[in-house]
Protein backbone atom coordinates (compact mmCIF):
# COMPACT_ATOMS: atom_id res chain seq x y z
CA MET A 1 10.61 18.60 91.49
CA GLY A 2 12.50 17.80 88.31
CA PHE A 3 13.92 14.74 90.04
CA PHE A 4 10.45 13.33 90.68
CA LYS A 5 9.36 13.95 87.08
CA ARG A 6 12.40 12.17 85.75
CA PHE A 7 12.02 9.29 88.21
CA PHE A 8 8.32 8.74 87.49
CA GLY A 9 8.81 9.46 83.79
CA LYS A 10 11.28 6.59 83.49
CA GLN A 11 8.84 4.22 85.11
CA LYS A 12 6.22 5.18 82.58
CA ASP A 13 8.71 4.61 79.75
CA GLU A 14 9.67 1.20 81.17
CA SER A 15 6.03 0.17 81.50
CA SER A 16 5.29 1.42 77.98
CA ASP A 17 8.33 -0.50 76.69
CA GLU A 18 7.01 -3.66 78.34
CA ALA A 19 3.58 -3.04 76.82
CA ASN A 20 5.16 -2.44 73.42
CA ASN A 21 7.17 -5.66 73.71
CA ALA A 22 4.03 -7.60 74.61
CA VAL A 23 2.13 -6.10 71.66
CA GLU A 24 5.07 -6.80 69.37
CA GLN A 25 5.33 -10.43 70.48
CA ASN A 26 1.58 -10.88 70.04
CA MET A 27 1.74 -9.36 66.55
CA GLN A 28 4.76 -11.47 65.66
CA SER A 29 3.01 -14.68 66.66
CA GLN A 30 -0.06 -13.69 64.62
CA LEU A 31 2.13 -12.91 61.59
CA LYS A 32 3.89 -16.28 61.90
CA ALA A 33 0.55 -18.08 62.04
CA GLN A 34 -0.74 -16.13 59.02
CA TYR A 35 2.48 -16.88 57.13
CA HIS A 36 2.13 -20.61 57.72
CA ARG A 37 -1.52 -20.51 56.62
CA ASP A 38 -0.60 -18.61 53.45
CA ILE A 39 2.21 -21.03 52.61
CA ASP A 40 -0.10 -24.02 53.10
CA GLU A 41 -2.76 -22.43 50.88
CA ASP A 42 -0.22 -21.61 48.17
CA VAL A 43 1.20 -25.11 48.18
CA SER A 44 -2.24 -26.72 48.06
CA SER A 45 -3.37 -24.45 45.22
CA LEU A 46 -0.20 -25.23 43.24
CA GLU A 47 -0.69 -28.94 43.81
CA SER A 48 -4.27 -28.73 42.57
CA ILE A 49 -3.18 -26.82 39.48
CA LEU A 50 -0.48 -29.36 38.70
CA ASP A 51 -2.81 -32.30 39.30
CA ASP A 52 -5.54 -30.87 37.08
CA SER A 53 -3.44 -30.27 34.00
CA GLU A 54 -1.15 -33.22 33.71
CA ASP A 55 1.03 -32.96 30.65
CA GLN A 56 -0.02 -35.48 28.08
CA PRO A 57 2.60 -36.40 25.49
CA GLU A 58 1.75 -35.08 22.07
CA GLU A 59 0.93 -37.64 19.47
CA SER A 60 3.71 -37.70 16.93
CA VAL A 61 3.03 -37.98 13.25
CA VAL A 62 5.18 -40.52 11.47
CA LEU A 63 6.53 -39.00 8.29
CA PRO A 64 7.67 -41.18 5.42
CA ALA A 65 11.39 -41.46 4.96
CA PRO A 66 12.98 -39.33 2.23
CA ASP A 67 13.49 -40.97 -1.13
CA TYR A 68 17.22 -41.51 -0.51
CA ASP A 69 16.61 -43.56 2.63
CA GLU A 70 16.49 -47.35 2.40
CA PRO A 71 13.70 -48.60 4.69
CA ASN A 72 14.31 -52.34 4.26
CA VAL A 73 17.83 -52.86 5.56
CA THR A 74 19.11 -55.86 7.48
CA VAL A 75 22.28 -56.31 9.50
CA ASP A 76 23.78 -58.48 6.78
CA ASP A 77 23.42 -55.65 4.26
CA VAL A 78 25.87 -53.57 6.27
CA LEU A 79 28.48 -56.30 6.15
CA VAL A 80 28.30 -56.76 2.37
CA GLU A 81 31.22 -55.15 0.55
CA SER A 82 29.74 -53.09 -2.24
CA GLU A 83 30.14 -49.65 -3.71
CA MET A 84 28.36 -47.09 -1.59
CA GLU A 85 25.86 -44.86 -3.29
CA SER A 86 26.41 -41.14 -2.75
CA PHE A 87 23.37 -39.06 -1.90
CA SER A 88 25.21 -35.74 -1.63
CA GLU A 89 23.96 -34.60 -5.05
CA LYS A 90 20.38 -35.71 -4.48
CA ASN A 91 17.67 -33.06 -4.99
CA THR A 92 20.06 -30.44 -6.37
CA VAL A 93 19.32 -28.09 -9.24
CA GLU A 94 21.99 -27.20 -11.75
CA HIS A 95 21.92 -24.13 -13.95
CA ALA A 96 23.91 -24.00 -17.13
CA SER A 97 24.31 -20.24 -16.96
CA VAL A 98 23.37 -17.43 -14.64
CA GLU A 99 21.57 -15.52 -17.41
CA ASP A 100 18.98 -18.31 -17.68
CA ILE A 101 17.96 -17.75 -14.07
CA GLY A 102 16.82 -14.17 -14.70
CA ASN A 103 16.99 -11.10 -12.53
CA HIS A 104 15.07 -12.02 -9.43
CA LEU A 105 15.74 -8.59 -7.85
CA GLU A 106 14.17 -6.70 -10.75
CA SER A 107 10.84 -6.17 -9.01
CA ALA A 108 12.28 -5.86 -5.48
CA THR A 109 11.30 -2.80 -3.46
CA VAL A 110 13.21 -1.23 -0.61
CA VAL A 111 11.26 -0.86 2.61
CA GLY A 112 12.78 1.03 5.49
CA ASP A 113 14.67 4.20 6.33
CA VAL A 114 16.22 4.84 2.92
CA SER A 115 15.89 8.54 2.08
CA SER A 116 16.31 8.12 -1.66
CA GLU A 117 15.44 5.54 -4.26
CA VAL A 118 17.90 2.65 -4.60
CA SER A 119 18.80 1.23 -7.99
CA PHE A 120 20.04 -2.32 -8.46
CA GLU A 121 21.73 -1.65 -11.82
């Protein structure tokens, strides 16, 4: 009797395996179709987003040249042998002594994790 159960039991397992394979193949084909639909929708939505908001170049504001720049220069001016003007000291501030500057840290406060008061003396 055990022989018949095992013999017929295997047939049921084989038929259930075939049914499972058929269901799996059907599900796999549905998933592939859904995947292709999703990809197409994503691509079309990205294309519409990119088409809607085309990047426009920002309008640049033309700033005047600094005072040490020469705006009216020709090619011949470069070839003329003359003493070059140095602009390395342009817009610099000179102090005769440090005492004239003052103590700029006199009213400074310490903010943070300092447990005691800090003195700058």
